Amino acid sequence: MRSFVVFVMLVVLAMGDGKQLCIYNWSEYLPKSIVDDFTKETGIVVEYDTYDSNEEMYKNVTSNPLQPYDIVVPSTYLVDRMIDEGLLQKIDKTKLTRYGNLDTKLLSHPFDPQNDYSIPYLWGSTGISYNPALVNEPITSWSNLWNKEYKGSVLLNDDMREVFGVALKLLGYSANSTNPKEIQAAYEKLVELKPNIKMFYSGSQTQIYLNEHVKLGMSFNGESFMTQEKNTENQLSQMVMNPDSILGTKEEQKEIRYIYPKEGVLVWMDSLVIPQKAKNVENAHLFIDYLLRPEVAKLITRDIGYASPNLKAIELLDKSTQMNPVVYPTQKELVDSELLMDVGEALGIYETYWKMLKRDD
């Protein structure tokens, strides 16, 4: 989901039993400093691997019978599916001393009513980002992506459910539709979009937009927030180097805007879970509890750009971040939004059409 720090921390030195932890997370979704500080405090060595889509994560977790992961970070609908398939083990919340910091509005969802298997990590939305220097019309709707003037200029997330969710919302259907005819209609709508599609990509999208590789497209809200932060840093740097220049150069003032389409955004929440085959379960609990510290959760939001579910952490954020609708949207921005859920047996229909959509012409 998502400017951040990507790293894989592999330690070859012999370590005693109980001093290791293997984490599988979205790319650029956790500051390296947090893992380093955790290791300094506990002596637990972290092996860190990354993925760029829920589908990639699920495939790697399920296809490797010796999968080594102690913590993975799936989105809502994958948590639902992984629970049903027995891929997760229960989390012992008595070992999470800071569990009470979490916003109760983000707990007890139908897919995990008691949060026995999942702990909220970050949440956000998928809407439209665009470069105002390259787009002349008001962007208000998912339908803008289909405009012929954007041929070869649109980015779509490399996420099957989100891409189909956009088309379903545009057609007036639920993003969680299990109706074969509605899913087919969404596929046909996406085929109409193919001439405009420049790429499918769910990694860090900030530079793709800033470097004008695309004009507009799907985007995680945190990408836009991080662009805002970069612009602020550039302005301050420019003022220090040249106090008479307040606005900075054109290059420094590149802007990416994020909007909530009128049909509704896709809302997601990524959660910390422990796979059934995890070997370092105690250390996994220690790390989850570490991430629930208010000062740690605050740093994640500041460095990553997504909303923390940790109420104590939100209190530590500066007011501009707390009030920024890109990070913390109001109810107005969330009208007609949907949280993606597991679609059961209909998943096979989505997968078939997804393969067809991405097939080269």
Protein backbone atom coordinates (compact mmCIF):
# COMPACT_ATOMS: atom_id res chain seq x y z
CA MET A 1 0.00 0.00 0.00
CA ARG A 2 3.03 3.18 0.10
CA SER A 3 8.75 7.98 1.02
CA PHE A 4 9.78 5.43 3.03
CA VAL A 5 12.76 3.25 3.90
CA VAL A 6 13.25 -0.15 2.28
CA PHE A 7 15.66 -2.54 3.83
CA VAL A 8 16.43 -6.16 4.40
CA MET A 9 18.39 -6.75 7.58
CA LEU A 10 20.18 -10.06 7.38
CA VAL A 11 22.56 -11.03 10.17
CA VAL A 12 24.91 -13.93 9.57
CA LEU A 13 26.56 -13.99 12.98
CA ALA A 14 25.54 -16.93 15.12
CA MET A 15 22.77 -16.00 17.48
CA GLY A 16 21.40 -17.78 20.49
CA ASP A 17 17.95 -19.37 20.36
CA GLY A 18 15.08 -16.98 20.86
CA LYS A 19 16.90 -13.93 19.48
CA GLN A 20 15.48 -13.84 15.97
CA LEU A 21 12.39 -12.50 14.24
CA CYS A 22 11.34 -12.67 10.59
CA ILE A 23 8.98 -9.94 9.31
CA TYR A 24 7.26 -9.80 5.91
CA ASN A 25 5.81 -6.34 5.24
CA TRP A 26 4.81 -4.00 2.45
CA SER A 27 7.79 -2.25 0.85
CA GLU A 28 8.70 1.11 2.36
CA TYR A 29 6.16 0.69 5.15
CA LEU A 30 8.30 0.80 8.29
CA PRO A 31 11.20 3.12 9.18
CA LYS A 32 14.48 1.25 9.52
CA SER A 33 15.26 3.18 12.70
CA ILE A 34 12.37 1.47 14.49
CA VAL A 35 13.69 -2.00 13.77
CA ASP A 36 17.23 -0.92 14.69
CA ASP A 37 16.04 0.49 18.02
CA PHE A 38 14.03 -2.65 18.71
CA THR A 39 17.14 -4.77 18.18
CA LYS A 40 19.24 -2.51 20.41
CA GLU A 41 16.68 -2.74 23.19
CA THR A 42 15.93 -6.46 23.02
CA GLY A 43 18.91 -8.08 21.30
CA ILE A 44 16.46 -9.70 18.84
CA VAL A 45 17.86 -9.78 15.33
CA VAL A 46 15.30 -8.99 12.64
CA GLU A 47 15.24 -10.44 9.14
CA TYR A 48 13.04 -8.16 7.08
CA ASP A 49 11.55 -8.96 3.68
CA THR A 50 9.05 -6.97 1.59
CA TYR A 51 6.26 -7.33 -0.97
CA ASP A 52 4.30 -4.93 -3.19
CA SER A 53 0.84 -6.50 -3.24
CA ASN A 54 -1.46 -8.63 -1.12
CA GLU A 55 -1.48 -11.25 -3.85
CA GLU A 56 2.32 -11.51 -3.80
CA MET A 57 2.34 -11.88 -0.02
CA TYR A 58 -0.39 -14.51 -0.02
CA LYS A 59 1.30 -16.54 -2.74
CA ASN A 60 4.65 -16.57 -0.93
CA VAL A 61 3.13 -17.42 2.44
CA THR A 62 1.01 -20.27 1.09
CA SER A 63 3.32 -21.75 -1.57
CA ASN A 64 6.33 -22.26 0.71
CA PRO A 65 5.74 -25.09 3.19
CA LEU A 66 8.79 -23.90 5.13
CA GLN A 67 7.80 -20.25 5.10
CA PRO A 68 9.82 -18.51 7.82
CA TYR A 69 7.67 -15.49 8.62
CA ASP A 70 6.74 -14.59 12.19
CA ILE A 71 4.78 -11.43 11.31
CA VAL A 72 3.04 -10.44 8.07
CA VAL A 73 0.91 -7.38 7.35
CA PRO A 74 -2.10 -8.20 5.13
CA SER A 75 -4.97 -5.92 4.27
CA THR A 76 -8.47 -6.50 5.62
CA TYR A 77 -9.84 -8.90 3.01
CA LEU A 78 -6.69 -11.04 3.17
CA VAL A 79 -6.91 -11.24 6.96
CA ASP A 80 -10.45 -12.53 6.53
CA ARG A 81 -9.35 -15.16 4.03
CA MET A 82 -6.26 -16.23 5.99
CA ILE A 83 -8.34 -16.76 9.13
CA ASP A 84 -10.84 -18.91 7.23
CA GLU A 85 -8.03 -20.99 5.74
CA GLY A 86 -6.35 -21.59 9.09
CA LEU A 87 -3.19 -19.73 8.11
CA LEU A 88 -3.03 -17.59 11.24
CA GLN A 89 -2.61 -18.34 14.91
CA LYS A 90 -4.29 -16.50 17.72
CA ILE A 91 -2.55 -13.52 19.26
CA ASP A 92 -2.20 -13.53 23.03
CA LYS A 93 -3.43 -10.04 23.84
CA THR A 94 -2.37 -10.45 27.49
CA LYS A 95 1.16 -10.00 26.16
CA LEU A 96 0.25 -6.70 24.50
CA THR A 97 0.52 -4.21 27.35
CA ARG A 98 -0.42 -1.28 25.08
CA TYR A 99 -3.41 -2.84 23.33
CA GLY A 100 -5.63 -0.31 25.10
CA ASN A 101 -4.06 2.50 23.04
CA LEU A 102 -5.99 1.37 19.94
CA ASP A 103 -9.06 3.20 18.72
CA THR A 104 -12.02 0.91 19.44
CA LYS A 105 -13.71 2.10 16.23
CA LEU A 106 -11.01 0.23 14.32
CA LEU A 107 -11.41 -2.97 16.30
CA SER A 108 -14.01 -5.77 16.29
CA HIS A 109 -14.69 -5.94 12.57
CA PRO A 110 -16.84 -8.87 11.39
CA PHE A 111 -13.85 -10.71 9.95
CA ASP A 112 -12.18 -10.82 13.40
CA PRO A 113 -14.77 -9.73 16.02
CA GLN A 114 -12.50 -10.16 19.05
CA ASN A 115 -9.25 -9.30 17.23
CA ASP A 116 -7.99 -12.74 18.14
CA TYR A 117 -5.88 -12.91 14.99
CA SER A 118 -5.13 -9.33 13.90
CA ILE A 119 -3.88 -6.07 15.39
CA PRO A 120 -4.44 -2.84 13.39
CA TYR A 121 -1.17 -1.36 12.11
CA LEU A 122 -2.11 1.51 9.75
CA TRP A 123 -5.18 2.51 7.81
CA GLY A 124 -5.85 4.72 4.84
CA SER A 125 -7.64 5.10 1.55
CA THR A 126 -7.16 4.55 -2.15
CA GLY A 127 -8.30 7.51 -4.20
CA ILE A 128 -6.97 9.51 -7.16
CA SER A 129 -3.65 11.32 -7.30
CA TYR A 130 -2.86 13.68 -10.14
CA ASN A 131 -0.22 16.15 -11.25
CA PRO A 132 -1.98 19.53 -11.65
CA ALA A 133 0.74 20.69 -14.05
CA LEU A 134 -0.34 17.96 -16.47
CA VAL A 135 -4.10 17.82 -15.84
CA ASN A 136 -6.27 20.77 -16.82
CA GLU A 137 -9.74 19.56 -15.85
CA PRO A 138 -11.22 19.27 -12.35
CA ILE A 139 -10.71 15.74 -11.06
CA THR A 140 -13.75 14.62 -9.10
CA SER A 141 -14.63 11.12 -10.21
CA TRP A 142 -13.16 7.71 -10.97
CA SER A 143 -14.56 8.28 -14.46
CA ASN A 144 -11.84 10.89 -15.09
CA LEU A 145 -9.35 8.03 -15.51
CA TRP A 146 -11.24 6.92 -18.62
CA ASN A 147 -10.91 10.27 -20.45
CA LYS A 148 -9.27 9.74 -23.86
CA GLU A 149 -6.80 12.60 -23.32
CA TYR A 150 -4.99 10.44 -20.74
CA LYS A 151 -3.98 7.73 -23.19
CA GLY A 152 -0.90 5.95 -21.85
CA SER A 153 -0.84 8.24 -18.79
CA VAL A 154 -2.76 6.42 -16.03
CA LEU A 155 -1.35 4.41 -13.11
CA LEU A 156 -3.36 1.63 -11.52
CA ASN A 157 -2.45 -0.13 -8.30
CA ASP A 158 -1.16 -3.63 -8.90
CA ASP A 159 -3.95 -4.96 -6.73
CA MET A 160 -6.72 -7.05 -8.23
CA ARG A 161 -9.40 -6.27 -5.67
CA GLU A 162 -8.72 -2.54 -5.64
CA VAL A 163 -8.69 -2.20 -9.43
CA PHE A 164 -11.97 -4.10 -9.75
CA GLY A 165 -13.28 -2.15 -6.77
CA VAL A 166 -12.82 1.11 -8.70
CA ALA A 167 -14.74 -0.17 -11.72
CA LEU A 168 -17.50 -1.62 -9.55
CA LYS A 169 -17.90 1.66 -7.64
CA LEU A 170 -18.03 3.58 -10.91
CA LEU A 171 -20.79 1.29 -12.17
CA GLY A 172 -22.79 1.79 -8.97
CA TYR A 173 -22.05 -1.64 -7.51
CA SER A 174 -20.41 -2.66 -4.27
CA ALA A 175 -16.63 -3.01 -4.35
CA ASN A 176 -17.25 -6.34 -2.60
CA SER A 177 -19.65 -7.68 -5.22
CA THR A 178 -19.95 -11.44 -5.57
CA ASN A 179 -22.37 -11.18 -8.49
CA PRO A 180 -20.75 -12.73 -11.61
CA LYS A 181 -22.57 -10.35 -13.97
CA GLU A 182 -21.43 -7.30 -12.01
CA ILE A 183 -17.84 -8.55 -11.92
CA GLN A 184 -17.96 -9.18 -15.66
CA ALA A 185 -19.33 -5.67 -16.22
CA ALA A 186 -16.43 -4.30 -14.16
CA TYR A 187 -13.97 -6.27 -16.29
CA GLU A 188 -15.50 -4.90 -19.48
CA LYS A 189 -15.26 -1.37 -18.06
CA LEU A 190 -11.59 -1.94 -17.26
CA VAL A 191 -10.94 -3.21 -20.80
CA GLU A 192 -12.18 0.19 -21.99
CA LEU A 193 -9.52 1.76 -19.76
CA LYS A 194 -6.61 -0.30 -21.15
CA PRO A 195 -5.45 2.31 -23.75
CA ASN A 196 -4.97 4.78 -20.90
CA ILE A 197 -3.06 2.44 -18.58
CA LYS A 198 0.64 3.22 -18.38
CA MET A 199 1.46 0.78 -15.59
CA PHE A 200 0.22 -1.34 -12.71
CA TYR A 201 2.27 -0.55 -9.61
CA SER A 202 1.66 -0.65 -5.85
CA GLY A 203 5.12 0.21 -4.54
CA SER A 204 6.18 3.74 -3.64
CA GLN A 205 4.47 5.89 -6.26
CA THR A 206 5.65 9.37 -5.23
CA GLN A 207 8.51 9.69 -7.71
CA ILE A 208 6.44 8.20 -10.53
CA TYR A 209 4.03 11.11 -10.20
CA LEU A 210 6.66 13.77 -9.46
CA ASN A 211 8.81 12.71 -12.41
CA GLU A 212 5.76 12.93 -14.68
CA HIS A 213 5.81 9.31 -15.79
CA VAL A 214 2.02 9.42 -15.40
CA LYS A 215 -0.52 12.22 -15.20
CA LEU A 216 -3.00 10.70 -12.79
CA GLY A 217 -4.23 7.43 -11.38
CA MET A 218 -5.00 5.34 -8.34
CA SER A 219 -2.94 6.13 -5.29
CA PHE A 220 -2.63 5.44 -1.61
CA ASN A 221 -3.29 8.61 0.39
CA GLY A 222 0.09 8.44 2.14
CA GLU A 223 1.89 8.99 -1.15
CA SER A 224 0.29 12.42 -1.51
CA PHE A 225 1.04 13.30 2.11
CA MET A 226 4.72 12.45 1.67
CA THR A 227 4.83 14.66 -1.44
CA GLN A 228 3.46 17.52 0.64
CA GLU A 229 6.20 16.89 3.18
CA LYS A 230 8.88 16.91 0.47
CA ASN A 231 7.59 20.24 -0.84
CA THR A 232 7.71 21.74 2.64
CA GLU A 233 11.29 20.54 3.11
CA ASN A 234 12.27 21.98 -0.28
CA GLN A 235 10.73 25.34 0.57
CA LEU A 236 12.59 25.54 3.87
CA SER A 237 15.85 24.50 2.21
CA GLN A 238 15.39 27.10 -0.53
CA MET A 239 14.71 29.84 2.03
CA VAL A 240 17.87 28.94 3.94
CA MET A 241 19.99 29.03 0.77
CA ASN A 242 18.25 32.10 -0.66
CA PRO A 243 16.14 34.03 1.88
CA ASP A 244 14.76 36.24 -0.90
CA SER A 245 13.24 33.25 -2.67
CA ILE A 246 10.10 32.13 -0.88
CA LEU A 247 8.42 30.05 -3.53
CA GLY A 248 11.46 28.08 -4.67
CA THR A 249 12.09 26.74 -8.15
CA LYS A 250 9.52 25.08 -10.37
CA GLU A 251 11.25 21.75 -9.81
CA GLU A 252 11.00 22.15 -6.06
CA GLN A 253 7.32 23.08 -6.20
CA LYS A 254 6.06 20.02 -8.02
CA GLU A 255 2.78 19.02 -6.46
CA ILE A 256 0.67 15.92 -6.39
CA ARG A 257 -2.93 16.34 -5.32
CA TYR A 258 -5.09 13.65 -3.77
CA ILE A 259 -8.85 13.61 -4.12
CA TYR A 260 -11.71 11.53 -2.79
CA PRO A 261 -13.81 10.54 -5.85
CA LYS A 262 -17.51 11.29 -5.59
CA GLU A 263 -18.38 7.60 -6.03
CA GLY A 264 -16.42 6.84 -2.84
CA VAL A 265 -12.89 5.76 -2.01
CA LEU A 266 -11.67 2.31 -1.11
CA VAL A 267 -10.74 2.19 2.57
CA TRP A 268 -8.21 -0.32 3.82
CA MET A 269 -6.59 -1.31 7.05
CA ASP A 270 -3.37 -3.29 7.26
CA SER A 271 -2.98 -5.51 10.30
CA LEU A 272 -0.21 -7.32 12.12
CA VAL A 273 -0.77 -11.07 12.14
CA ILE A 274 1.22 -14.14 13.17
CA PRO A 275 1.26 -17.03 10.66
CA GLN A 276 0.35 -20.48 11.90
CA LYS A 277 3.86 -21.74 11.08
CA ALA A 278 5.72 -18.90 12.85
CA LYS A 279 8.72 -20.10 14.86
CA ASN A 280 9.43 -17.01 16.98
CA VAL A 281 5.99 -16.36 18.42
CA GLU A 282 7.16 -14.77 21.66
CA ASN A 283 9.35 -12.33 19.76
CA ALA A 284 6.48 -11.53 17.43
CA HIS A 285 4.38 -10.48 20.42
CA LEU A 286 7.24 -8.36 21.73
CA PHE A 287 7.56 -6.56 18.41
CA ILE A 288 3.82 -5.96 18.05
CA ASP A 289 3.72 -4.49 21.55
CA TYR A 290 6.73 -2.34 20.67
CA LEU A 291 4.86 -0.91 17.67
CA LEU A 292 1.96 -0.03 19.96
CA ARG A 293 4.12 2.41 21.93
CA PRO A 294 2.72 5.90 21.27
CA GLU A 295 6.09 7.43 20.38
CA VAL A 296 6.86 4.57 17.96
CA ALA A 297 3.42 4.67 16.31
CA LYS A 298 3.73 8.45 15.95
CA LEU A 299 7.07 8.11 14.17
CA ILE A 300 5.59 5.59 11.74
CA THR A 301 2.77 7.94 10.75
CA ARG A 302 5.17 10.87 10.37
CA ASP A 303 7.62 8.88 8.23
CA ILE A 304 5.12 6.80 6.25
CA GLY A 305 2.16 9.15 5.88
CA TYR A 306 -0.70 6.84 6.87
CA ALA A 307 -3.14 7.10 9.75
CA SER A 308 -2.26 5.40 13.00
CA PRO A 309 -5.03 3.53 14.87
CA ASN A 310 -3.18 4.41 18.10
CA LEU A 311 -5.04 7.18 19.94
CA LYS A 312 -2.09 7.99 22.19
CA ALA A 313 0.13 8.36 19.11
CA ILE A 314 -2.35 10.70 17.41
CA GLU A 315 -2.14 13.01 20.45
CA LEU A 316 1.62 13.29 19.86
CA LEU A 317 1.30 14.29 16.19
CA ASP A 318 1.50 17.96 15.26
CA LYS A 319 -1.86 19.62 14.70
CA SER A 320 -1.26 20.07 10.97
CA THR A 321 -1.03 16.29 10.55
CA GLN A 322 -3.99 15.59 12.83
CA MET A 323 -6.12 18.02 10.79
CA ASN A 324 -4.82 17.02 7.36
CA PRO A 325 -7.73 15.36 5.50
CA VAL A 326 -5.28 13.42 3.33
CA VAL A 327 -4.10 11.53 6.43
CA TYR A 328 -7.19 11.71 8.64
CA PRO A 329 -10.25 12.20 6.40
CA THR A 330 -13.49 13.60 7.74
CA GLN A 331 -16.81 11.80 7.46
CA LYS A 332 -17.53 13.96 4.42
CA GLU A 333 -14.54 12.53 2.55
CA LEU A 334 -15.56 9.00 3.53
CA VAL A 335 -19.12 9.15 2.23
CA ASP A 336 -19.82 6.04 0.13
CA SER A 337 -16.40 4.60 1.00
CA GLU A 338 -16.04 0.83 1.31
CA LEU A 339 -13.71 -1.47 3.20
CA LEU A 340 -12.67 -4.37 1.00
CA MET A 341 -13.77 -7.72 2.43
CA ASP A 342 -13.29 -11.34 1.46
CA VAL A 343 -15.56 -12.33 -1.45
CA GLY A 344 -15.43 -16.08 -0.87
CA GLU A 345 -15.84 -18.31 -3.89
CA ALA A 346 -16.28 -15.28 -6.16
CA LEU A 347 -12.54 -14.70 -5.81
CA GLY A 348 -11.94 -17.19 -8.63
CA ILE A 349 -14.05 -15.04 -10.97
CA TYR A 350 -11.99 -11.98 -10.11
CA GLU A 351 -8.75 -13.90 -10.65
CA THR A 352 -9.82 -15.11 -14.09
CA TYR A 353 -10.74 -11.63 -15.28
CA TRP A 354 -7.61 -10.14 -13.68
CA LYS A 355 -5.37 -12.45 -15.70
CA MET A 356 -7.30 -11.54 -18.85
CA LEU A 357 -7.01 -7.83 -18.09
CA LYS A 358 -3.24 -7.94 -17.61
CA ARG A 359 -2.64 -10.18 -20.60
CA ASP A 360 -0.71 -8.42 -23.37
CA ASP A 361 -2.81 -7.46 -26.36
